[in-house]
Amino acid sequence: MSTASKDTGPLGTERRVLPRYHLMKQVDIVVADGDVTYWGSMKNLSRTGVAVAIRQDLKRSQKVTVRFRMESDDGRVVLEDLTATVIWKDTDHAGLEFTKPLLAGSSALKKAPYLAAHLDKRR
């Protein structure tokens, strides 16, 4: 029977310095011109935007805030918000382009470090 904990690496030493967070598929879409928040499901994500499944009627060129959730192994949740513009919408899906992409030195990267770390991990 192994005595190593689940948090240790193959050599028995903890390699993580910070807690690990997992990106959740649920996102909130906060409409910029009102106090309305819609729930959506993330379909794909890049450094420049996100595609979501959403049934509510968003309009092309509409300004929104996308709220992402990351959950740690112990259940803590971190929220990160990025502003975006609706660039396309069909019946149940929308494409949202971030106002500032998640690139080195951008203010968006500073606002969403866990989201950026998730993208880096997928490489």
N, C-alpha and C. Protein backbone atom coordinates (compact mmCIF):
# COMPACT_ATOMS: atom_id res chain seq x y z
N MET A 1 0.84 -1.17 0.00
CA MET A 1 0.00 0.00 0.00
C MET A 1 0.89 1.24 0.00
N SER A 2 0.58 2.19 -0.84
CA SER A 2 1.38 3.40 -0.97
C SER A 2 1.04 4.39 0.14
N THR A 3 2.06 5.06 0.65
CA THR A 3 1.84 6.08 1.67
C THR A 3 1.89 7.48 1.09
N ALA A 4 2.16 7.61 -0.21
CA ALA A 4 2.23 8.93 -0.85
C ALA A 4 0.83 9.51 -0.96
N SER A 5 0.70 10.80 -0.69
CA SER A 5 -0.60 11.45 -0.81
C SER A 5 -0.88 11.75 -2.27
N LYS A 6 -2.15 12.07 -2.58
CA LYS A 6 -2.51 12.35 -3.96
C LYS A 6 -1.90 13.64 -4.46
N ASP A 7 -1.39 14.50 -3.56
CA ASP A 7 -0.80 15.77 -3.95
C ASP A 7 0.69 15.68 -4.23
N THR A 8 1.24 14.51 -4.16
CA THR A 8 2.68 14.40 -4.39
C THR A 8 2.95 13.91 -5.80
N GLY A 9 4.11 14.27 -6.31
CA GLY A 9 4.52 13.83 -7.63
C GLY A 9 5.05 12.42 -7.58
N PRO A 10 5.53 11.90 -8.70
CA PRO A 10 6.00 10.52 -8.76
C PRO A 10 7.20 10.26 -7.86
N LEU A 11 7.91 11.30 -7.48
CA LEU A 11 9.07 11.13 -6.61
C LEU A 11 8.72 11.37 -5.14
N GLY A 12 7.43 11.60 -4.86
CA GLY A 12 7.00 11.76 -3.48
C GLY A 12 7.07 13.16 -2.93
N THR A 13 7.43 14.14 -3.75
CA THR A 13 7.49 15.53 -3.28
C THR A 13 6.43 16.36 -3.96
N GLU A 14 5.84 17.27 -3.21
CA GLU A 14 4.84 18.17 -3.78
C GLU A 14 5.50 19.13 -4.75
N ARG A 15 4.96 19.23 -5.96
CA ARG A 15 5.55 20.09 -6.98
C ARG A 15 4.75 21.38 -7.16
N ARG A 16 3.52 21.43 -6.71
CA ARG A 16 2.70 22.63 -6.87
C ARG A 16 3.05 23.66 -5.81
N VAL A 17 3.21 24.88 -6.24
CA VAL A 17 3.46 25.98 -5.32
C VAL A 17 2.13 26.64 -4.95
N LEU A 18 1.22 26.74 -5.92
CA LEU A 18 -0.09 27.34 -5.72
C LEU A 18 -1.17 26.28 -5.93
N PRO A 19 -2.37 26.50 -5.37
CA PRO A 19 -3.45 25.53 -5.59
C PRO A 19 -3.80 25.43 -7.07
N ARG A 20 -4.25 24.28 -7.48
CA ARG A 20 -4.66 24.05 -8.86
C ARG A 20 -6.15 24.38 -8.99
N TYR A 21 -6.51 25.09 -10.04
CA TYR A 21 -7.91 25.44 -10.31
C TYR A 21 -8.33 24.85 -11.64
N HIS A 22 -9.57 24.35 -11.70
CA HIS A 22 -10.12 23.74 -12.91
C HIS A 22 -11.19 24.67 -13.47
N LEU A 23 -11.12 24.97 -14.76
CA LEU A 23 -12.08 25.84 -15.40
C LEU A 23 -13.41 25.12 -15.54
N MET A 24 -14.47 25.77 -15.09
CA MET A 24 -15.82 25.20 -15.19
C MET A 24 -16.45 25.66 -16.51
N LYS A 25 -17.31 24.84 -17.08
CA LYS A 25 -17.92 25.15 -18.37
C LYS A 25 -18.97 26.25 -18.29
N GLN A 26 -19.60 26.42 -17.12
CA GLN A 26 -20.64 27.44 -16.99
C GLN A 26 -20.02 28.82 -16.96
N VAL A 27 -20.58 29.74 -17.74
CA VAL A 27 -20.17 31.14 -17.72
C VAL A 27 -21.42 32.00 -17.55
N ASP A 28 -21.23 33.17 -16.97
CA ASP A 28 -22.30 34.15 -16.90
C ASP A 28 -22.01 35.22 -17.94
N ILE A 29 -23.04 35.67 -18.62
CA ILE A 29 -22.92 36.76 -19.58
C ILE A 29 -23.71 37.92 -19.00
N VAL A 30 -22.98 38.95 -18.59
CA VAL A 30 -23.60 40.14 -17.99
C VAL A 30 -23.72 41.19 -19.08
N VAL A 31 -24.95 41.57 -19.38
CA VAL A 31 -25.21 42.54 -20.44
C VAL A 31 -24.82 43.92 -19.95
N ALA A 32 -24.00 44.62 -20.74
CA ALA A 32 -23.40 45.89 -20.32
C ALA A 32 -24.42 47.01 -20.14
N ASP A 33 -25.51 47.00 -20.88
CA ASP A 33 -26.45 48.11 -20.80
C ASP A 33 -27.61 47.84 -19.83
N GLY A 34 -27.40 46.93 -18.91
CA GLY A 34 -28.46 46.62 -17.95
C GLY A 34 -27.94 45.73 -16.84
N ASP A 35 -28.82 45.39 -15.97
CA ASP A 35 -28.47 44.53 -14.84
C ASP A 35 -28.85 43.07 -15.11
N VAL A 36 -28.87 42.69 -16.37
CA VAL A 36 -29.29 41.36 -16.76
C VAL A 36 -28.08 40.44 -16.85
N THR A 37 -28.19 39.25 -16.25
CA THR A 37 -27.14 38.24 -16.35
C THR A 37 -27.76 36.97 -16.92
N TYR A 38 -27.14 36.44 -17.96
CA TYR A 38 -27.58 35.20 -18.58
C TYR A 38 -26.58 34.10 -18.26
N TRP A 39 -27.06 32.88 -18.23
CA TRP A 39 -26.20 31.73 -18.02
C TRP A 39 -25.89 31.12 -19.38
N GLY A 40 -24.63 30.72 -19.57
CA GLY A 40 -24.23 30.06 -20.81
C GLY A 40 -23.28 28.92 -20.53
N SER A 41 -23.02 28.13 -21.54
CA SER A 41 -22.09 27.02 -21.42
C SER A 41 -20.97 27.23 -22.44
N MET A 42 -19.74 27.23 -21.95
CA MET A 42 -18.59 27.48 -22.82
C MET A 42 -18.39 26.33 -23.80
N LYS A 43 -18.26 26.68 -25.08
CA LYS A 43 -18.02 25.68 -26.12
C LYS A 43 -16.53 25.60 -26.45
N ASN A 44 -15.88 26.75 -26.61
CA ASN A 44 -14.44 26.78 -26.81
C ASN A 44 -13.91 28.14 -26.37
N LEU A 45 -12.60 28.16 -26.14
CA LEU A 45 -11.96 29.34 -25.56
C LEU A 45 -10.62 29.55 -26.23
N SER A 46 -10.31 30.81 -26.50
CA SER A 46 -8.98 31.16 -27.02
C SER A 46 -8.51 32.42 -26.31
N ARG A 47 -7.34 32.89 -26.67
CA ARG A 47 -6.82 34.12 -26.07
C ARG A 47 -7.57 35.36 -26.54
N THR A 48 -8.35 35.24 -27.62
CA THR A 48 -9.07 36.40 -28.16
C THR A 48 -10.57 36.36 -27.92
N GLY A 49 -11.11 35.24 -27.49
CA GLY A 49 -12.54 35.19 -27.26
C GLY A 49 -13.05 33.83 -26.83
N VAL A 50 -14.36 33.72 -26.80
CA VAL A 50 -15.01 32.50 -26.34
C VAL A 50 -16.29 32.29 -27.13
N ALA A 51 -16.60 31.03 -27.42
CA ALA A 51 -17.88 30.67 -28.02
C ALA A 51 -18.71 30.02 -26.92
N VAL A 52 -19.98 30.42 -26.84
CA VAL A 52 -20.85 29.91 -25.79
C VAL A 52 -22.16 29.41 -26.38
N ALA A 53 -22.75 28.44 -25.69
CA ALA A 53 -24.12 28.03 -25.98
C ALA A 53 -25.00 28.87 -25.07
N ILE A 54 -25.92 29.60 -25.66
CA ILE A 54 -26.79 30.51 -24.90
C ILE A 54 -28.08 30.71 -25.69
N ARG A 55 -29.20 30.64 -25.01
CA ARG A 55 -30.49 30.77 -25.70
C ARG A 55 -31.01 32.20 -25.73
N GLN A 56 -30.53 33.05 -24.85
CA GLN A 56 -31.03 34.42 -24.79
C GLN A 56 -30.62 35.20 -26.03
N ASP A 57 -31.36 36.25 -26.28
CA ASP A 57 -31.18 37.03 -27.49
C ASP A 57 -30.12 38.10 -27.30
N LEU A 58 -28.89 37.78 -27.66
CA LEU A 58 -27.82 38.76 -27.68
C LEU A 58 -27.77 39.37 -29.08
N LYS A 59 -27.37 40.62 -29.15
CA LYS A 59 -27.29 41.32 -30.43
C LYS A 59 -25.84 41.47 -30.88
N ARG A 60 -25.61 41.37 -32.17
CA ARG A 60 -24.28 41.60 -32.72
C ARG A 60 -23.79 42.99 -32.32
N SER A 61 -22.53 43.11 -31.93
CA SER A 61 -21.88 44.35 -31.47
C SER A 61 -22.26 44.75 -30.05
N GLN A 62 -23.08 43.95 -29.38
CA GLN A 62 -23.46 44.24 -27.99
C GLN A 62 -22.26 44.03 -27.06
N LYS A 63 -22.07 44.92 -26.11
CA LYS A 63 -21.00 44.82 -25.12
C LYS A 63 -21.50 43.98 -23.94
N VAL A 64 -20.66 43.03 -23.50
CA VAL A 64 -21.01 42.15 -22.39
C VAL A 64 -19.77 41.93 -21.52
N THR A 65 -20.00 41.38 -20.35
CA THR A 65 -18.92 40.90 -19.50
C THR A 65 -19.10 39.40 -19.37
N VAL A 66 -18.04 38.65 -19.59
CA VAL A 66 -18.07 37.20 -19.44
C VAL A 66 -17.43 36.86 -18.10
N ARG A 67 -18.18 36.14 -17.27
CA ARG A 67 -17.68 35.74 -15.95
C ARG A 67 -17.32 34.25 -15.99
N PHE A 68 -16.04 33.97 -15.78
CA PHE A 68 -15.52 32.61 -15.77
C PHE A 68 -15.37 32.14 -14.33
N ARG A 69 -15.58 30.84 -14.11
CA ARG A 69 -15.41 30.24 -12.79
C ARG A 69 -14.34 29.16 -12.84
N MET A 70 -13.45 29.21 -11.85
CA MET A 70 -12.47 28.16 -11.66
C MET A 70 -12.69 27.60 -10.25
N GLU A 71 -12.60 26.28 -10.14
CA GLU A 71 -12.79 25.64 -8.85
C GLU A 71 -11.52 24.89 -8.47
N SER A 72 -11.11 25.06 -7.20
CA SER A 72 -9.92 24.37 -6.71
C SER A 72 -10.28 22.96 -6.28
N ASP A 73 -9.26 22.16 -6.02
CA ASP A 73 -9.47 20.78 -5.58
C ASP A 73 -10.27 20.72 -4.29
N ASP A 74 -10.16 21.76 -3.45
CA ASP A 74 -10.90 21.76 -2.18
C ASP A 74 -12.24 22.49 -2.27
N GLY A 75 -12.68 22.83 -3.49
CA GLY A 75 -14.01 23.41 -3.68
C GLY A 75 -14.09 24.92 -3.67
N ARG A 76 -12.96 25.62 -3.47
CA ARG A 76 -13.00 27.09 -3.53
C ARG A 76 -13.20 27.53 -4.97
N VAL A 77 -13.96 28.61 -5.14
CA VAL A 77 -14.26 29.11 -6.47
C VAL A 77 -13.63 30.50 -6.64
N VAL A 78 -13.00 30.70 -7.80
CA VAL A 78 -12.44 32.00 -8.17
C VAL A 78 -13.21 32.47 -9.40
N LEU A 79 -13.63 33.74 -9.39
CA LEU A 79 -14.33 34.33 -10.52
C LEU A 79 -13.41 35.31 -11.22
N GLU A 80 -13.41 35.27 -12.55
CA GLU A 80 -12.65 36.24 -13.34
C GLU A 80 -13.55 36.78 -14.45
N ASP A 81 -13.59 38.10 -14.59
CA ASP A 81 -14.44 38.76 -15.57
C ASP A 81 -13.61 39.38 -16.68
N LEU A 82 -14.07 39.21 -17.91
CA LEU A 82 -13.45 39.89 -19.06
C LEU A 82 -14.56 40.54 -19.89
N THR A 83 -14.31 41.75 -20.36
CA THR A 83 -15.29 42.41 -21.22
C THR A 83 -15.13 41.87 -22.64
N ALA A 84 -16.24 41.86 -23.35
CA ALA A 84 -16.25 41.30 -24.71
C ALA A 84 -17.35 41.95 -25.54
N THR A 85 -17.28 41.68 -26.83
CA THR A 85 -18.29 42.14 -27.78
C THR A 85 -18.85 40.92 -28.49
N VAL A 86 -20.17 40.89 -28.67
CA VAL A 86 -20.81 39.81 -29.43
C VAL A 86 -20.45 40.02 -30.90
N ILE A 87 -19.76 39.05 -31.49
CA ILE A 87 -19.39 39.19 -32.91
C ILE A 87 -20.26 38.34 -33.82
N TRP A 88 -20.91 37.30 -33.27
CA TRP A 88 -21.90 36.56 -34.04
C TRP A 88 -22.87 35.86 -33.08
N LYS A 89 -24.06 35.59 -33.58
CA LYS A 89 -25.08 34.90 -32.77
C LYS A 89 -25.98 34.12 -33.71
N ASP A 90 -26.23 32.85 -33.37
CA ASP A 90 -27.27 32.11 -34.07
C ASP A 90 -28.29 31.68 -33.02
N THR A 91 -29.12 30.74 -33.32
CA THR A 91 -30.21 30.38 -32.41
C THR A 91 -29.75 30.07 -31.00
N ASP A 92 -28.77 29.20 -30.84
CA ASP A 92 -28.36 28.76 -29.51
C ASP A 92 -26.89 28.99 -29.18
N HIS A 93 -26.16 29.72 -30.01
CA HIS A 93 -24.73 29.92 -29.81
C HIS A 93 -24.34 31.37 -30.11
N ALA A 94 -23.24 31.79 -29.47
CA ALA A 94 -22.72 33.15 -29.73
C ALA A 94 -21.20 33.13 -29.67
N GLY A 95 -20.60 34.00 -30.44
CA GLY A 95 -19.16 34.21 -30.41
C GLY A 95 -18.87 35.56 -29.78
N LEU A 96 -18.02 35.57 -28.76
CA LEU A 96 -17.71 36.79 -28.02
C LEU A 96 -16.22 37.06 -28.14
N GLU A 97 -15.88 38.25 -28.59
CA GLU A 97 -14.48 38.64 -28.74
C GLU A 97 -14.09 39.52 -27.55
N PHE A 98 -13.01 39.14 -26.85
CA PHE A 98 -12.56 39.92 -25.71
C PHE A 98 -12.13 41.31 -26.18
N THR A 99 -12.43 42.33 -25.37
CA THR A 99 -12.03 43.69 -25.67
C THR A 99 -10.51 43.78 -25.77
N LYS A 100 -9.83 43.11 -24.85
CA LYS A 100 -8.37 43.00 -24.89
C LYS A 100 -8.03 41.52 -24.81
N PRO A 101 -7.24 41.00 -25.75
CA PRO A 101 -6.90 39.56 -25.74
C PRO A 101 -6.00 39.21 -24.55
N LEU A 102 -5.97 37.95 -24.21
CA LEU A 102 -5.14 37.44 -23.11
C LEU A 102 -3.72 37.22 -23.60
N LEU A 103 -3.01 38.33 -23.82
CA LEU A 103 -1.63 38.28 -24.31
C LEU A 103 -0.70 38.88 -23.27
N ALA A 104 0.57 38.52 -23.34
CA ALA A 104 1.57 39.02 -22.40
C ALA A 104 1.52 40.54 -22.32
N GLY A 105 1.47 41.06 -21.11
CA GLY A 105 1.47 42.49 -20.88
C GLY A 105 0.11 43.16 -20.98
N SER A 106 -0.93 42.44 -21.40
CA SER A 106 -2.24 43.08 -21.54
C SER A 106 -2.93 43.20 -20.18
N SER A 107 -3.82 44.19 -20.08
CA SER A 107 -4.59 44.35 -18.85
C SER A 107 -5.53 43.17 -18.63
N ALA A 108 -5.97 42.53 -19.71
CA ALA A 108 -6.84 41.36 -19.59
C ALA A 108 -6.11 40.22 -18.88
N LEU A 109 -4.84 40.05 -19.18
CA LEU A 109 -4.05 38.99 -18.55
C LEU A 109 -3.95 39.22 -17.04
N LYS A 110 -3.85 40.48 -16.65
CA LYS A 110 -3.78 40.81 -15.23
C LYS A 110 -5.13 40.58 -14.53
N LYS A 111 -6.23 40.76 -15.27
CA LYS A 111 -7.57 40.56 -14.71
C LYS A 111 -7.96 39.08 -14.64
N ALA A 112 -7.33 38.25 -15.46
CA ALA A 112 -7.74 36.84 -15.55
C ALA A 112 -6.53 35.90 -15.55
N PRO A 113 -5.72 35.92 -14.48
CA PRO A 113 -4.51 35.08 -14.48
C PRO A 113 -4.80 33.58 -14.47
N TYR A 114 -5.87 33.14 -13.80
CA TYR A 114 -6.17 31.71 -13.76
C TYR A 114 -6.67 31.22 -15.12
N LEU A 115 -7.45 32.07 -15.81
CA LEU A 115 -7.91 31.72 -17.14
C LEU A 115 -6.73 31.60 -18.10
N ALA A 116 -5.80 32.54 -18.01
CA ALA A 116 -4.59 32.49 -18.84
C ALA A 116 -3.77 31.24 -18.53
N ALA A 117 -3.66 30.89 -17.24
CA ALA A 117 -2.91 29.69 -16.84
C ALA A 117 -3.57 28.44 -17.43
N HIS A 118 -4.90 28.43 -17.48
CA HIS A 118 -5.61 27.30 -18.08
C HIS A 118 -5.25 27.18 -19.57
N LEU A 119 -5.21 28.30 -20.27
CA LEU A 119 -4.85 28.26 -21.69
C LEU A 119 -3.40 27.81 -21.87
N ASP A 120 -2.51 28.27 -21.01
CA ASP A 120 -1.09 27.87 -21.09
C ASP A 120 -0.95 26.37 -20.88
N LYS A 121 -1.73 25.83 -19.96
CA LYS A 121 -1.66 24.41 -19.62
C LYS A 121 -2.11 23.53 -20.80
N ARG A 122 -2.99 24.03 -21.65
CA ARG A 122 -3.51 23.26 -22.77
C ARG A 122 -2.55 23.12 -23.92
N ARG A 123 -1.46 23.85 -23.92
CA ARG A 123 -0.50 23.82 -25.04
C ARG A 123 0.11 22.47 -25.22
